[in-house]
Amino acid sequence: MKKSNVYRNFIVKIPPAFRQAHIPCEVTDLKLQDAVGEQTHAFLAGEVLTGGWQQFSLHHLLEEGDTCVFELITNKTEDLTFMVHIFHVVEVDHSKVQWQDHYMILSRGDLGQTYDSVTTLQHYLQSSGQCLLYVGDLLYADTYPFDYQVRWDTWSRLIEGSAAYQPWIWTSGNHDIELLPQVGEMKPFKSFKNCFPIPYQASNYQASNNTSLLWYSIKRGSAHIIVLLSYSAYGEEQ
C-alpha cells in the first residue's frame, strides 16, 4: 500500500487488463470482503476503486507498506465481490480493542532505567495501547561517566517486550545529546541515531524530503504525527 491508497486520496487503481478481462464494463458497485466475511460496499469509477475503500482501509487500519491481495471471488454483474487478504507490516492484536471504533496511541517519556522504569513499562503493557509516542529522554546514559554506552543495549532489552511487537514513535531529548568533546566525540545524538532509526527509515523519508531522524512525520490510525526534536541544531538540513 502507498500513501495515496491509505492516507491521502484513498484510491486503488485496478490494472486495465484485469478490468477488461474479469469485470463487466457496466459494473460500478462491488463488495470488499475481509478474512472473517465482513463486507464493505464500494464504488468503481472506470479503473479506480474509490467510494467505500476509505471506510475499508480505516476499518482495517491499513498502513503504508501493508500488502493487500485482491481475489475476485464473484464476478457477476449484480454481485461483484473481492476477497481482500491483508498482510500488515506490524501485526495488530484485534482482541484488545474495537478497531473500528478507535486506535489508541499512548504517550510516554523520561523512562530511564530503574525499578520504576520496569513498573511503568508493565503498566503500559497491561493497557490497550497499540502504539507508543515516546517524547524524549530515553535512558539517561549521560548521568554516567562518558555516557556509559552499555546502557543503550540494556535499555533496548528492557523495552523489547513492547517495541518488538508494536510501533514506538521516537524522539530524543537533552539527556540523549551525548556531545563529548573531552573524548573527541563531536557528533550529537550519535547513539540515538544508530540504536533507534525506526520509524524514520520506514517513513519513506526520501519522498517526504526528510533529512534526519530528528524530524519526520508518520501516520498511525487516523492521526498524522509530526515529530520535531527541539534540541536538534538548526541549519541547511531543515
C-alpha atoms as a PDB file:
ATOM      1  CA  MET A   1       0.000   0.000   0.000  1.00  0.00           C
ATOM      2  CA  LYS A   2       1.166   3.510  -0.883  1.00  0.00           C
ATOM      3  CA  LYS A   3       0.277   6.800   0.790  1.00  0.00           C
ATOM      4  CA  SER A   4      -2.327   7.540  -1.881  1.00  0.00           C
ATOM      5  CA  ASN A   5      -4.031   4.213  -1.071  1.00  0.00           C
ATOM      6  CA  VAL A   6      -4.361   4.574   2.694  1.00  0.00           C
ATOM      7  CA  TYR A   7      -3.606   8.166   3.760  1.00  0.00           C
ATOM      8  CA  ARG A   8      -4.461  10.892   1.303  1.00  0.00           C
ATOM      9  CA  ASN A   9      -6.782  10.162  -1.607  1.00  0.00           C
ATOM     10  CA  PHE A  10      -7.879   6.668  -0.569  1.00  0.00           C
ATOM     11  CA  ILE A  11      -7.959   5.264  -4.089  1.00  0.00           C
ATOM     12  CA  VAL A  12      -6.817   1.970  -5.582  1.00  0.00           C
ATOM     13  CA  LYS A  13      -6.265   1.594  -9.307  1.00  0.00           C
ATOM     14  CA  ILE A  14      -7.228  -1.712 -10.890  1.00  0.00           C
ATOM     15  CA  PRO A  15      -4.979  -2.797 -13.802  1.00  0.00           C
ATOM     16  CA  PRO A  16      -6.804  -2.083 -17.112  1.00  0.00           C
ATOM     17  CA  ALA A  17      -6.127  -5.577 -18.465  1.00  0.00           C
ATOM     18  CA  PHE A  18      -7.675  -7.165 -15.375  1.00  0.00           C
ATOM     19  CA  ARG A  19     -10.664  -4.836 -15.557  1.00  0.00           C
ATOM     20  CA  GLN A  20     -11.325  -5.706 -19.188  1.00  0.00           C
ATOM     21  CA  ALA A  21     -10.858  -9.445 -18.706  1.00  0.00           C
ATOM     22  CA  HIS A  22     -12.781 -10.055 -15.491  1.00  0.00           C
ATOM     23  CA  ILE A  23     -15.123  -7.170 -14.647  1.00  0.00           C
ATOM     24  CA  PRO A  24     -18.165  -6.371 -16.799  1.00  0.00           C
ATOM     25  CA  CYS A  25     -17.908  -2.827 -18.135  1.00  0.00           C
ATOM     26  CA  GLU A  26     -21.311  -1.838 -16.764  1.00  0.00           C
ATOM     27  CA  VAL A  27     -20.376  -2.757 -13.202  1.00  0.00           C
ATOM     28  CA  THR A  28     -19.786   0.187 -10.850  1.00  0.00           C
ATOM     29  CA  ASP A  29     -20.849  -1.296  -7.497  1.00  0.00           C
ATOM     30  CA  LEU A  30     -18.911  -4.044  -5.785  1.00  0.00           C
ATOM     31  CA  LYS A  31     -18.145  -5.534  -2.382  1.00  0.00           C
ATOM     32  CA  LEU A  32     -14.903  -5.887  -0.472  1.00  0.00           C
ATOM     33  CA  GLN A  33     -14.819  -8.877   1.862  1.00  0.00           C
ATOM     34  CA  ASP A  34     -12.286  -9.442   4.637  1.00  0.00           C
ATOM     35  CA  ALA A  35     -10.987 -12.675   6.144  1.00  0.00           C
ATOM     36  CA  VAL A  36     -13.900 -13.016   8.593  1.00  0.00           C
ATOM     37  CA  GLY A  37     -16.540 -12.497   5.914  1.00  0.00           C
ATOM     38  CA  GLU A  38     -17.444  -8.896   6.720  1.00  0.00           C
ATOM     39  CA  GLN A  39     -18.312  -6.961   3.570  1.00  0.00           C
ATOM     40  CA  THR A  40     -17.958  -3.282   2.648  1.00  0.00           C
ATOM     41  CA  HIS A  41     -19.787  -1.761  -0.303  1.00  0.00           C
ATOM     42  CA  ALA A  42     -17.520   0.142  -2.674  1.00  0.00           C
ATOM     43  CA  PHE A  43     -17.714   2.031  -5.960  1.00  0.00           C
ATOM     44  CA  LEU A  44     -15.691   1.505  -9.139  1.00  0.00           C
ATOM     45  CA  ALA A  45     -15.164   4.552 -11.355  1.00  0.00           C
ATOM     46  CA  GLY A  46     -13.578   3.235 -14.523  1.00  0.00           C
ATOM     47  CA  GLU A  47     -10.441   1.524 -13.251  1.00  0.00           C
ATOM     48  CA  VAL A  48     -10.326   3.350  -9.915  1.00  0.00           C
ATOM     49  CA  LEU A  49     -11.740   1.932  -6.695  1.00  0.00           C
ATOM     50  CA  THR A  50     -12.935   4.905  -4.657  1.00  0.00           C
ATOM     51  CA  GLY A  51     -16.156   5.038  -2.643  1.00  0.00           C
ATOM     52  CA  GLY A  52     -16.107   2.518   0.199  1.00  0.00           C
ATOM     53  CA  TRP A  53     -12.390   1.886   0.001  1.00  0.00           C
ATOM     54  CA  GLN A  54     -11.632   4.594   2.554  1.00  0.00           C
ATOM     55  CA  GLN A  55     -14.059   3.008   5.003  1.00  0.00           C
ATOM     56  CA  PHE A  56     -12.487  -0.417   4.402  1.00  0.00           C
ATOM     57  CA  SER A  57      -8.967   0.977   4.782  1.00  0.00           C
ATOM     58  CA  LEU A  58      -9.660   2.811   8.054  1.00  0.00           C
ATOM     59  CA  HIS A  59     -11.692  -0.054   9.472  1.00  0.00           C
ATOM     60  CA  HIS A  60      -8.796  -2.467   8.944  1.00  0.00           C
ATOM     61  CA  LEU A  61      -6.100   0.049   9.975  1.00  0.00           C
ATOM     62  CA  LEU A  62      -4.172  -0.233   6.747  1.00  0.00           C
ATOM     63  CA  GLU A  63      -0.809   1.494   6.749  1.00  0.00           C
ATOM     64  CA  GLU A  64       1.756   2.439   4.155  1.00  0.00           C
ATOM     65  CA  GLY A  65       3.808  -0.654   3.376  1.00  0.00           C
ATOM     66  CA  ASP A  66       0.997  -3.120   4.127  1.00  0.00           C
ATOM     67  CA  THR A  67       0.126  -5.612   1.384  1.00  0.00           C
ATOM     68  CA  CYS A  68      -3.415  -6.277   0.158  1.00  0.00           C
ATOM     69  CA  VAL A  69      -4.139  -9.135  -2.233  1.00  0.00           C
ATOM     70  CA  PHE A  70      -7.458  -8.714  -4.078  1.00  0.00           C
ATOM     71  CA  GLU A  71      -9.022 -12.059  -5.011  1.00  0.00           C
ATOM     72  CA  LEU A  72     -12.052 -11.909  -7.298  1.00  0.00           C
ATOM     73  CA  ILE A  73     -14.448 -14.485  -5.851  1.00  0.00           C
ATOM     74  CA  THR A  74     -17.656 -13.408  -7.628  1.00  0.00           C
ATOM     75  CA  ASN A  75     -17.783 -11.535 -10.934  1.00  0.00           C
ATOM     76  CA  LYS A  76     -21.484 -11.435 -11.680  1.00  0.00           C
ATOM     77  CA  THR A  77     -22.876  -8.109 -12.812  1.00  0.00           C
ATOM     78  CA  GLU A  78     -25.242  -7.925  -9.860  1.00  0.00           C
ATOM     79  CA  ASP A  79     -22.765  -9.358  -7.353  1.00  0.00           C
ATOM     80  CA  LEU A  80     -19.099  -8.494  -7.828  1.00  0.00           C
ATOM     81  CA  THR A  81     -17.030  -9.353  -4.771  1.00  0.00           C
ATOM     82  CA  PHE A  82     -13.331  -9.145  -3.967  1.00  0.00           C
ATOM     83  CA  MET A  83     -11.805 -11.062  -1.080  1.00  0.00           C
ATOM     84  CA  VAL A  84      -9.097  -8.777   0.334  1.00  0.00           C
ATOM     85  CA  HIS A  85      -6.234 -10.619   2.023  1.00  0.00           C
ATOM     86  CA  ILE A  86      -4.362  -8.224   4.334  1.00  0.00           C
ATOM     87  CA  PHE A  87      -0.735  -8.551   5.402  1.00  0.00           C
ATOM     88  CA  HIS A  88       0.277  -5.858   7.916  1.00  0.00           C
ATOM     89  CA  VAL A  89       3.841  -4.610   8.261  1.00  0.00           C
ATOM     90  CA  VAL A  90       3.180  -4.514  12.011  1.00  0.00           C
ATOM     91  CA  GLU A  91       0.730  -7.178  13.130  1.00  0.00           C
ATOM     92  CA  VAL A  92      -2.118  -5.957  15.295  1.00  0.00           C
ATOM     93  CA  ASP A  93      -3.990  -7.659  18.125  1.00  0.00           C
ATOM     94  CA  HIS A  94      -7.670  -7.465  17.215  1.00  0.00           C
ATOM     95  CA  SER A  95      -8.730  -8.983  20.542  1.00  0.00           C
ATOM     96  CA  LYS A  96      -7.712  -5.988  22.666  1.00  0.00           C
ATOM     97  CA  VAL A  97      -9.876  -3.203  21.306  1.00  0.00           C
ATOM     98  CA  GLN A  98     -12.677  -2.452  18.901  1.00  0.00           C
ATOM     99  CA  TRP A  99     -10.578  -1.473  15.917  1.00  0.00           C
ATOM    100  CA  GLN A 100     -13.454   0.046  14.027  1.00  0.00           C
ATOM    101  CA  ASP A 101     -14.027   2.494  16.886  1.00  0.00           C
ATOM    102  CA  HIS A 102     -10.578   3.822  17.702  1.00  0.00           C
ATOM    103  CA  TYR A 103      -6.833   3.362  17.520  1.00  0.00           C
ATOM    104  CA  MET A 104      -5.134   4.005  20.833  1.00  0.00           C
ATOM    105  CA  ILE A 105      -1.843   5.923  20.905  1.00  0.00           C
ATOM    106  CA  LEU A 106      -0.317   6.389  24.337  1.00  0.00           C
ATOM    107  CA  SER A 107       2.495   8.773  25.209  1.00  0.00           C
ATOM    108  CA  ARG A 108       5.480   8.348  27.494  1.00  0.00           C
ATOM    109  CA  GLY A 109       8.873   9.966  28.072  1.00  0.00           C
ATOM    110  CA  ASP A 110      11.736  10.051  30.570  1.00  0.00           C
ATOM    111  CA  LEU A 111      11.505   6.307  31.110  1.00  0.00           C
ATOM    112  CA  GLY A 112      15.062   5.836  32.287  1.00  0.00           C
ATOM    113  CA  GLN A 113      16.363   2.506  33.501  1.00  0.00           C
ATOM    114  CA  THR A 114      15.382   1.891  37.114  1.00  0.00           C
ATOM    115  CA  TYR A 115      12.949  -0.304  39.044  1.00  0.00           C
ATOM    116  CA  ASP A 116      10.338   2.383  38.494  1.00  0.00           C
ATOM    117  CA  SER A 117      11.005   2.132  34.749  1.00  0.00           C
ATOM    118  CA  VAL A 118      10.096  -1.553  34.859  1.00  0.00           C
ATOM    119  CA  THR A 119       6.861  -0.772  36.705  1.00  0.00           C
ATOM    120  CA  THR A 120       5.933   1.966  34.242  1.00  0.00           C
ATOM    121  CA  LEU A 121       6.563  -0.336  31.292  1.00  0.00           C
ATOM    122  CA  GLN A 122       4.497  -3.113  32.864  1.00  0.00           C
ATOM    123  CA  HIS A 123       1.591  -0.705  33.308  1.00  0.00           C
ATOM    124  CA  TYR A 124       1.822   0.203  29.634  1.00  0.00           C
ATOM    125  CA  LEU A 125       1.883  -3.458  28.572  1.00  0.00           C
ATOM    126  CA  GLN A 126      -1.301  -4.031  30.572  1.00  0.00           C
ATOM    127  CA  SER A 127      -3.073  -1.161  28.801  1.00  0.00           C
ATOM    128  CA  SER A 128      -4.903  -1.228  25.479  1.00  0.00           C
ATOM    129  CA  GLY A 129      -2.243   0.904  23.813  1.00  0.00           C
ATOM    130  CA  GLN A 130      -1.457  -0.039  20.242  1.00  0.00           C
ATOM    131  CA  CYS A 131       1.292   2.485  19.642  1.00  0.00           C
ATOM    132  CA  LEU A 132       3.642   4.416  21.922  1.00  0.00           C
ATOM    133  CA  LEU A 133       4.573   8.021  21.192  1.00  0.00           C
ATOM    134  CA  TYR A 134       7.861   8.438  23.055  1.00  0.00           C
ATOM    135  CA  VAL A 135       8.511  12.114  23.716  1.00  0.00           C
ATOM    136  CA  GLY A 136      12.184  12.109  24.662  1.00  0.00           C
ATOM    137  CA  ASP A 137      14.921  11.299  27.184  1.00  0.00           C
ATOM    138  CA  LEU A 138      15.331   7.574  26.816  1.00  0.00           C
ATOM    139  CA  LEU A 139      17.788   6.048  29.258  1.00  0.00           C
ATOM    140  CA  TYR A 140      19.856   8.810  30.896  1.00  0.00           C
ATOM    141  CA  ALA A 141      23.236   7.404  29.911  1.00  0.00           C
ATOM    142  CA  ASP A 142      24.595  10.924  30.341  1.00  0.00           C
ATOM    143  CA  THR A 143      24.315  10.544  34.119  1.00  0.00           C
ATOM    144  CA  TYR A 144      27.239   8.092  33.969  1.00  0.00           C
ATOM    145  CA  PRO A 145      30.905   8.848  33.194  1.00  0.00           C
ATOM    146  CA  PHE A 146      31.463   9.257  29.460  1.00  0.00           C
ATOM    147  CA  ASP A 147      27.811   8.385  28.799  1.00  0.00           C
ATOM    148  CA  TYR A 148      28.177   4.674  29.586  1.00  0.00           C
ATOM    149  CA  GLN A 149      27.225   3.096  26.242  1.00  0.00           C
ATOM    150  CA  VAL A 150      26.295  -0.343  27.570  1.00  0.00           C
ATOM    151  CA  ARG A 151      23.093   1.203  28.916  1.00  0.00           C
ATOM    152  CA  TRP A 152      21.799   1.651  25.368  1.00  0.00           C
ATOM    153  CA  ASP A 153      21.905  -2.134  24.984  1.00  0.00           C
ATOM    154  CA  THR A 154      20.337  -2.897  28.349  1.00  0.00           C
ATOM    155  CA  TRP A 155      17.579  -0.296  27.808  1.00  0.00           C
ATOM    156  CA  SER A 156      16.784  -1.852  24.432  1.00  0.00           C
ATOM    157  CA  ARG A 157      16.326  -5.206  26.140  1.00  0.00           C
ATOM    158  CA  LEU A 158      14.122  -3.542  28.752  1.00  0.00           C
ATOM    159  CA  ILE A 159      11.619  -2.267  26.175  1.00  0.00           C
ATOM    160  CA  GLU A 160      11.867  -5.241  23.821  1.00  0.00           C
ATOM    161  CA  GLY A 161       8.699  -6.864  25.173  1.00  0.00           C
ATOM    162  CA  SER A 162       6.703  -3.995  23.681  1.00  0.00           C
ATOM    163  CA  ALA A 163       8.863  -2.409  20.978  1.00  0.00           C
ATOM    164  CA  ALA A 164       9.384  -5.713  19.170  1.00  0.00           C
ATOM    165  CA  TYR A 165       5.653  -6.150  18.619  1.00  0.00           C
ATOM    166  CA  GLN A 166       4.115  -2.704  18.171  1.00  0.00           C
ATOM    167  CA  PRO A 167       5.194   0.713  16.868  1.00  0.00           C
ATOM    168  CA  TRP A 168       7.234   3.045  19.048  1.00  0.00           C
ATOM    169  CA  ILE A 169       7.451   6.531  17.567  1.00  0.00           C
ATOM    170  CA  TRP A 170      10.683   8.056  18.826  1.00  0.00           C
ATOM    171  CA  THR A 171      12.044  11.433  19.537  1.00  0.00           C
ATOM    172  CA  SER A 172      15.044  12.236  21.671  1.00  0.00           C
ATOM    173  CA  GLY A 173      15.798  14.731  24.421  1.00  0.00           C
ATOM    174  CA  ASN A 174      18.561  16.689  26.084  1.00  0.00           C
ATOM    175  CA  HIS A 175      19.772  13.628  28.012  1.00  0.00           C
ATOM    176  CA  ASP A 176      20.477  11.837  24.724  1.00  0.00           C
ATOM    177  CA  ILE A 177      22.651  14.531  23.089  1.00  0.00           C
ATOM    178  CA  GLU A 178      25.949  12.918  24.147  1.00  0.00           C
ATOM    179  CA  LEU A 179      28.243  15.607  22.831  1.00  0.00           C
ATOM    180  CA  LEU A 180      31.592  14.740  24.446  1.00  0.00           C
ATOM    181  CA  PRO A 181      34.434  16.921  23.131  1.00  0.00           C
ATOM    182  CA  GLN A 182      36.652  15.778  26.023  1.00  0.00           C
ATOM    183  CA  VAL A 183      36.892  12.339  24.404  1.00  0.00           C
ATOM    184  CA  GLY A 184      36.716  13.551  20.810  1.00  0.00           C
ATOM    185  CA  GLU A 185      33.015  12.826  20.227  1.00  0.00           C
ATOM    186  CA  MET A 186      31.739  15.846  18.309  1.00  0.00           C
ATOM    187  CA  LYS A 187      28.568  14.428  16.772  1.00  0.00           C
ATOM    188  CA  PRO A 188      25.436  14.814  18.935  1.00  0.00           C
ATOM    189  CA  PHE A 189      22.757  12.117  19.161  1.00  0.00           C
ATOM    190  CA  LYS A 190      25.118   9.537  17.646  1.00  0.00           C
ATOM    191  CA  SER A 191      23.979   6.658  19.876  1.00  0.00           C
ATOM    192  CA  PHE A 192      20.306   7.546  19.463  1.00  0.00           C
ATOM    193  CA  LYS A 193      20.595   7.693  15.674  1.00  0.00           C
ATOM    194  CA  ASN A 194      22.321   4.319  15.480  1.00  0.00           C
ATOM    195  CA  CYS A 195      20.154   2.490  18.007  1.00  0.00           C
ATOM    196  CA  PHE A 196      16.719   3.818  17.057  1.00  0.00           C
ATOM    197  CA  PRO A 197      16.491   4.716  13.339  1.00  0.00           C
ATOM    198  CA  ILE A 198      12.903   3.477  13.113  1.00  0.00           C
ATOM    199  CA  PRO A 199      10.316   4.773  12.255  1.00  0.00           C
ATOM    200  CA  TYR A 200      12.317   7.393  10.360  1.00  0.00           C
ATOM    201  CA  GLN A 201      13.781   4.830   7.934  1.00  0.00           C
ATOM    202  CA  ALA A 202      10.345   3.283   7.419  1.00  0.00           C
ATOM    203  CA  SER A 203       8.567   6.570   6.732  1.00  0.00           C
ATOM    204  CA  ASN A 204       9.724   6.893   3.116  1.00  0.00           C
ATOM    205  CA  TYR A 205      11.809   9.917   4.060  1.00  0.00           C
ATOM    206  CA  GLN A 206      13.261  10.295   0.566  1.00  0.00           C
ATOM    207  CA  ALA A 207       9.792  11.027  -0.818  1.00  0.00           C
ATOM    208  CA  SER A 208       8.894  13.409   2.006  1.00  0.00           C
ATOM    209  CA  ASN A 209      12.264  15.217   1.836  1.00  0.00           C
ATOM    210  CA  ASN A 210      13.142  14.304   5.414  1.00  0.00           C
ATOM    211  CA  THR A 211      16.868  14.623   6.027  1.00  0.00           C
ATOM    212  CA  SER A 212      17.205  13.411   9.590  1.00  0.00           C
ATOM    213  CA  LEU A 213      15.507  11.129  12.103  1.00  0.00           C
ATOM    214  CA  LEU A 214      15.364  14.154  14.403  1.00  0.00           C
ATOM    215  CA  TRP A 215      12.363  15.399  12.409  1.00  0.00           C
ATOM    216  CA  TYR A 216       9.889  13.356  10.394  1.00  0.00           C
ATOM    217  CA  SER A 217       6.179  12.618  10.090  1.00  0.00           C
ATOM    218  CA  ILE A 218       4.320   9.331  10.273  1.00  0.00           C
ATOM    219  CA  LYS A 219       0.703   8.155  10.042  1.00  0.00           C
ATOM    220  CA  ARG A 220      -0.834   5.906  12.684  1.00  0.00           C
ATOM    221  CA  GLY A 221      -4.553   5.155  12.600  1.00  0.00           C
ATOM    222  CA  SER A 222      -6.309   8.408  11.708  1.00  0.00           C
ATOM    223  CA  ALA A 223      -3.550  10.560  13.263  1.00  0.00           C
ATOM    224  CA  HIS A 224      -0.826  12.301  11.277  1.00  0.00           C
ATOM    225  CA  ILE A 225       2.059  12.745  13.715  1.00  0.00           C
ATOM    226  CA  ILE A 226       4.836  15.284  13.144  1.00  0.00           C
ATOM    227  CA  VAL A 227       7.996  14.730  15.194  1.00  0.00           C
ATOM    228  CA  LEU A 228      10.306  17.703  15.782  1.00  0.00           C
ATOM    229  CA  LEU A 229      13.230  17.480  18.191  1.00  0.00           C
ATOM    230  CA  SER A 230      13.731  20.873  19.818  1.00  0.00           C
ATOM    231  CA  TYR A 231      17.341  20.059  20.730  1.00  0.00           C
ATOM    232  CA  SER A 232      18.434  19.460  17.140  1.00  0.00           C
ATOM    233  CA  ALA A 233      20.629  22.154  15.613  1.00  0.00           C
ATOM    234  CA  TYR A 234      19.018  24.406  13.022  1.00  0.00           C
ATOM    235  CA  GLY A 235      20.786  24.533   9.668  1.00  0.00           C
ATOM    236  CA  GLU A 236      20.620  23.773   5.983  1.00  0.00           C
ATOM    237  CA  GLU A 237      19.315  20.235   6.573  1.00  0.00           C
ATOM    238  CA  GLN A 238      15.932  21.562   7.685  1.00  0.00           C
END
